[in-house]
Amino acid sequence: MFPIDLANFDRLPNAAHVNVTTVAGLYGCTEATIWLRLRKNQIPQPRRFGAHTRWNVGELREALMKGADSTFATGKTRQKK
């Protein structure tokens, strides 16, 4: 199932928050990989709202752009194993 927040990500305000399923879709990986990257400080820290963990859209956009900028600057892409 395609998360509605992922489908509408470009229209979300920077102050919005999204769940781990949406973050995984943005990074093109599994939810388990998101938690691993979080432990390695490779993605922005989420916020807790009661029992819910959510990521700030503005922080995700910034992190994704930094990642895209470094890939563009080096001309390197990650190779699949």
N, C-alpha and C. Protein backbone atom coordinates (compact mmCIF):
# COMPACT_ATOMS: atom_id res chain seq x y z
N MET A 1 0.84 -1.18 0.00
CA MET A 1 0.00 0.00 0.00
C MET A 1 0.88 1.24 0.00
N PHE A 2 0.53 2.22 -0.80
CA PHE A 2 1.29 3.45 -0.94
C PHE A 2 0.79 4.46 0.09
N PRO A 3 1.65 4.88 1.04
CA PRO A 3 1.20 5.82 2.07
C PRO A 3 0.73 7.14 1.47
N ILE A 4 -0.38 7.65 1.96
CA ILE A 4 -0.94 8.90 1.44
C ILE A 4 0.01 10.07 1.65
N ASP A 5 0.75 10.06 2.79
CA ASP A 5 1.72 11.13 3.03
C ASP A 5 2.85 11.11 2.01
N LEU A 6 3.23 9.93 1.56
CA LEU A 6 4.28 9.83 0.55
C LEU A 6 3.78 10.36 -0.79
N ALA A 7 2.56 10.02 -1.13
CA ALA A 7 1.98 10.49 -2.38
C ALA A 7 1.85 12.01 -2.40
N ASN A 8 1.63 12.61 -1.24
CA ASN A 8 1.43 14.05 -1.14
C ASN A 8 2.61 14.78 -0.51
N PHE A 9 3.76 14.14 -0.41
CA PHE A 9 4.89 14.70 0.33
C PHE A 9 5.27 16.10 -0.15
N ASP A 10 5.29 16.32 -1.46
CA ASP A 10 5.68 17.63 -1.99
C ASP A 10 4.71 18.73 -1.60
N ARG A 11 3.50 18.37 -1.26
CA ARG A 11 2.50 19.38 -0.89
C ARG A 11 2.41 19.60 0.62
N LEU A 12 3.07 18.77 1.40
CA LEU A 12 3.03 18.91 2.86
C LEU A 12 3.85 20.12 3.29
N PRO A 13 3.38 20.86 4.29
CA PRO A 13 4.19 21.98 4.81
C PRO A 13 5.41 21.45 5.57
N ASN A 14 6.44 22.27 5.67
CA ASN A 14 7.65 21.85 6.39
C ASN A 14 7.37 21.51 7.84
N ALA A 15 6.32 22.07 8.41
CA ALA A 15 6.00 21.82 9.82
C ALA A 15 5.24 20.51 10.03
N ALA A 16 4.86 19.83 8.96
CA ALA A 16 4.12 18.57 9.08
C ALA A 16 5.05 17.46 9.57
N HIS A 17 4.45 16.38 10.01
CA HIS A 17 5.20 15.21 10.49
C HIS A 17 4.66 13.95 9.81
N VAL A 18 5.56 13.01 9.51
CA VAL A 18 5.17 11.77 8.84
C VAL A 18 5.72 10.57 9.60
N ASN A 19 5.13 9.41 9.34
CA ASN A 19 5.50 8.19 10.07
C ASN A 19 6.65 7.44 9.38
N VAL A 20 7.07 6.36 9.99
CA VAL A 20 8.22 5.59 9.51
C VAL A 20 7.95 4.98 8.13
N THR A 21 6.73 4.63 7.83
CA THR A 21 6.40 4.06 6.52
C THR A 21 6.68 5.07 5.42
N THR A 22 6.31 6.31 5.66
CA THR A 22 6.55 7.38 4.69
C THR A 22 8.04 7.64 4.54
N VAL A 23 8.76 7.67 5.66
CA VAL A 23 10.21 7.90 5.62
C VAL A 23 10.89 6.79 4.83
N ALA A 24 10.49 5.55 5.06
CA ALA A 24 11.06 4.43 4.32
C ALA A 24 10.80 4.58 2.82
N GLY A 25 9.61 5.03 2.46
CA GLY A 25 9.29 5.25 1.05
C GLY A 25 10.16 6.35 0.44
N LEU A 26 10.41 7.40 1.20
CA LEU A 26 11.26 8.49 0.71
C LEU A 26 12.69 8.03 0.46
N TYR A 27 13.20 7.19 1.34
CA TYR A 27 14.57 6.72 1.22
C TYR A 27 14.68 5.44 0.38
N GLY A 28 13.56 4.88 0.00
CA GLY A 28 13.57 3.69 -0.84
C GLY A 28 14.13 2.47 -0.14
N CYS A 29 13.76 2.30 1.12
CA CYS A 29 14.25 1.17 1.90
C CYS A 29 13.14 0.65 2.81
N THR A 30 13.46 -0.31 3.64
CA THR A 30 12.47 -0.87 4.55
C THR A 30 12.41 -0.04 5.83
N GLU A 31 11.37 -0.27 6.60
CA GLU A 31 11.25 0.40 7.90
C GLU A 31 12.39 -0.02 8.82
N ALA A 32 12.80 -1.27 8.75
CA ALA A 32 13.92 -1.74 9.58
C ALA A 32 15.20 -0.97 9.25
N THR A 33 15.41 -0.67 7.98
CA THR A 33 16.59 0.10 7.58
C THR A 33 16.52 1.52 8.11
N ILE A 34 15.33 2.09 8.17
CA ILE A 34 15.17 3.44 8.74
C ILE A 34 15.62 3.43 10.19
N TRP A 35 15.19 2.44 10.97
CA TRP A 35 15.59 2.37 12.38
C TRP A 35 17.10 2.18 12.50
N LEU A 36 17.70 1.40 11.60
CA LEU A 36 19.15 1.22 11.60
C LEU A 36 19.86 2.54 11.29
N ARG A 37 19.40 3.23 10.26
CA ARG A 37 20.00 4.52 9.90
C ARG A 37 19.82 5.55 11.02
N LEU A 38 18.73 5.46 11.74
CA LEU A 38 18.49 6.36 12.86
C LEU A 38 19.53 6.11 13.96
N ARG A 39 19.78 4.84 14.27
CA ARG A 39 20.78 4.50 15.28
C ARG A 39 22.18 4.96 14.87
N LYS A 40 22.44 5.01 13.56
CA LYS A 40 23.73 5.46 13.05
C LYS A 40 23.77 6.97 12.79
N ASN A 41 22.70 7.66 13.17
CA ASN A 41 22.58 9.12 12.97
C ASN A 41 22.71 9.52 11.50
N GLN A 42 22.18 8.72 10.61
CA GLN A 42 22.24 9.00 9.18
C GLN A 42 20.99 9.70 8.68
N ILE A 43 19.98 9.81 9.51
CA ILE A 43 18.75 10.50 9.15
C ILE A 43 18.35 11.39 10.33
N PRO A 44 17.50 12.37 10.09
CA PRO A 44 17.07 13.25 11.19
C PRO A 44 16.39 12.48 12.32
N GLN A 45 16.51 13.00 13.51
CA GLN A 45 15.87 12.39 14.67
C GLN A 45 14.35 12.64 14.62
N PRO A 46 13.57 11.64 14.93
CA PRO A 46 12.11 11.81 14.96
C PRO A 46 11.68 12.44 16.28
N ARG A 47 10.41 12.77 16.35
CA ARG A 47 9.80 13.29 17.57
C ARG A 47 8.73 12.30 18.02
N ARG A 48 8.51 12.29 19.32
CA ARG A 48 7.47 11.41 19.88
C ARG A 48 6.24 12.25 20.20
N PHE A 49 5.10 11.78 19.75
CA PHE A 49 3.81 12.37 20.08
C PHE A 49 2.99 11.28 20.74
N GLY A 50 3.08 11.21 22.06
CA GLY A 50 2.44 10.12 22.78
C GLY A 50 3.11 8.82 22.40
N ALA A 51 2.33 7.87 21.90
CA ALA A 51 2.86 6.57 21.50
C ALA A 51 3.33 6.56 20.04
N HIS A 52 3.28 7.71 19.37
CA HIS A 52 3.61 7.79 17.94
C HIS A 52 4.95 8.45 17.70
N THR A 53 5.72 7.90 16.78
CA THR A 53 7.00 8.48 16.38
C THR A 53 6.83 9.08 15.00
N ARG A 54 7.21 10.36 14.86
CA ARG A 54 7.03 11.06 13.59
C ARG A 54 8.27 11.89 13.25
N TRP A 55 8.53 12.03 11.95
CA TRP A 55 9.64 12.84 11.46
C TRP A 55 9.11 14.15 10.89
N ASN A 56 9.85 15.23 11.12
CA ASN A 56 9.49 16.54 10.61
C ASN A 56 9.79 16.59 9.11
N VAL A 57 8.82 17.03 8.33
CA VAL A 57 8.94 17.06 6.87
C VAL A 57 10.08 17.99 6.43
N GLY A 58 10.18 19.17 7.03
CA GLY A 58 11.23 20.12 6.66
C GLY A 58 12.62 19.55 6.88
N GLU A 59 12.81 18.85 8.00
CA GLU A 59 14.11 18.24 8.29
C GLU A 59 14.41 17.11 7.32
N LEU A 60 13.40 16.35 6.94
CA LEU A 60 13.60 15.28 5.96
C LEU A 60 13.98 15.87 4.60
N ARG A 61 13.29 16.93 4.19
CA ARG A 61 13.62 17.56 2.90
C ARG A 61 15.07 18.03 2.89
N GLU A 62 15.49 18.67 3.98
CA GLU A 62 16.86 19.16 4.08
C GLU A 62 17.85 18.01 3.99
N ALA A 63 17.60 16.92 4.72
CA ALA A 63 18.50 15.77 4.70
C ALA A 63 18.54 15.12 3.32
N LEU A 64 17.39 15.01 2.68
CA LEU A 64 17.35 14.41 1.35
C LEU A 64 18.09 15.28 0.33
N MET A 65 17.97 16.59 0.44
CA MET A 65 18.67 17.49 -0.47
C MET A 65 20.18 17.42 -0.24
N LYS A 66 20.62 17.34 1.00
CA LYS A 66 22.04 17.21 1.29
C LYS A 66 22.58 15.92 0.68
N GLY A 67 21.82 14.85 0.80
CA GLY A 67 22.22 13.58 0.21
C GLY A 67 22.29 13.66 -1.30
N ALA A 68 21.32 14.33 -1.91
CA ALA A 68 21.30 14.49 -3.35
C ALA A 68 22.45 15.39 -3.80
N ASP A 69 22.73 16.44 -3.04
CA ASP A 69 23.83 17.35 -3.39
C ASP A 69 25.17 16.63 -3.36
N SER A 70 25.39 15.78 -2.35
CA SER A 70 26.67 15.08 -2.26
C SER A 70 26.81 14.06 -3.39
N THR A 71 25.73 13.41 -3.76
CA THR A 71 25.77 12.46 -4.87
C THR A 71 26.05 13.20 -6.17
N PHE A 72 25.40 14.35 -6.36
CA PHE A 72 25.59 15.14 -7.58
C PHE A 72 27.01 15.68 -7.65
N ALA A 73 27.54 16.16 -6.52
CA ALA A 73 28.88 16.75 -6.49
C ALA A 73 29.95 15.72 -6.79
N THR A 74 29.80 14.51 -6.31
CA THR A 74 30.83 13.49 -6.51
C THR A 74 30.60 12.71 -7.79
N GLY A 75 29.37 12.74 -8.31
CA GLY A 75 29.05 11.97 -9.48
C GLY A 75 28.91 10.49 -9.21
N LYS A 76 28.92 10.13 -7.91
CA LYS A 76 28.84 8.72 -7.53
C LYS A 76 27.44 8.36 -7.08
N THR A 77 27.02 7.19 -7.43
CA THR A 77 25.77 6.63 -6.92
C THR A 77 26.10 5.35 -6.19
N ARG A 78 25.22 4.98 -5.30
CA ARG A 78 25.45 3.75 -4.56
C ARG A 78 25.20 2.55 -5.45
N GLN A 79 26.05 1.58 -5.34
CA GLN A 79 25.92 0.36 -6.13
C GLN A 79 25.16 -0.67 -5.31
N LYS A 80 24.24 -1.37 -5.94
CA LYS A 80 23.53 -2.46 -5.28
C LYS A 80 24.44 -3.68 -5.26
N LYS A 81 24.35 -4.42 -4.16
CA LYS A 81 25.17 -5.63 -4.03
C LYS A 81 24.44 -6.82 -4.55
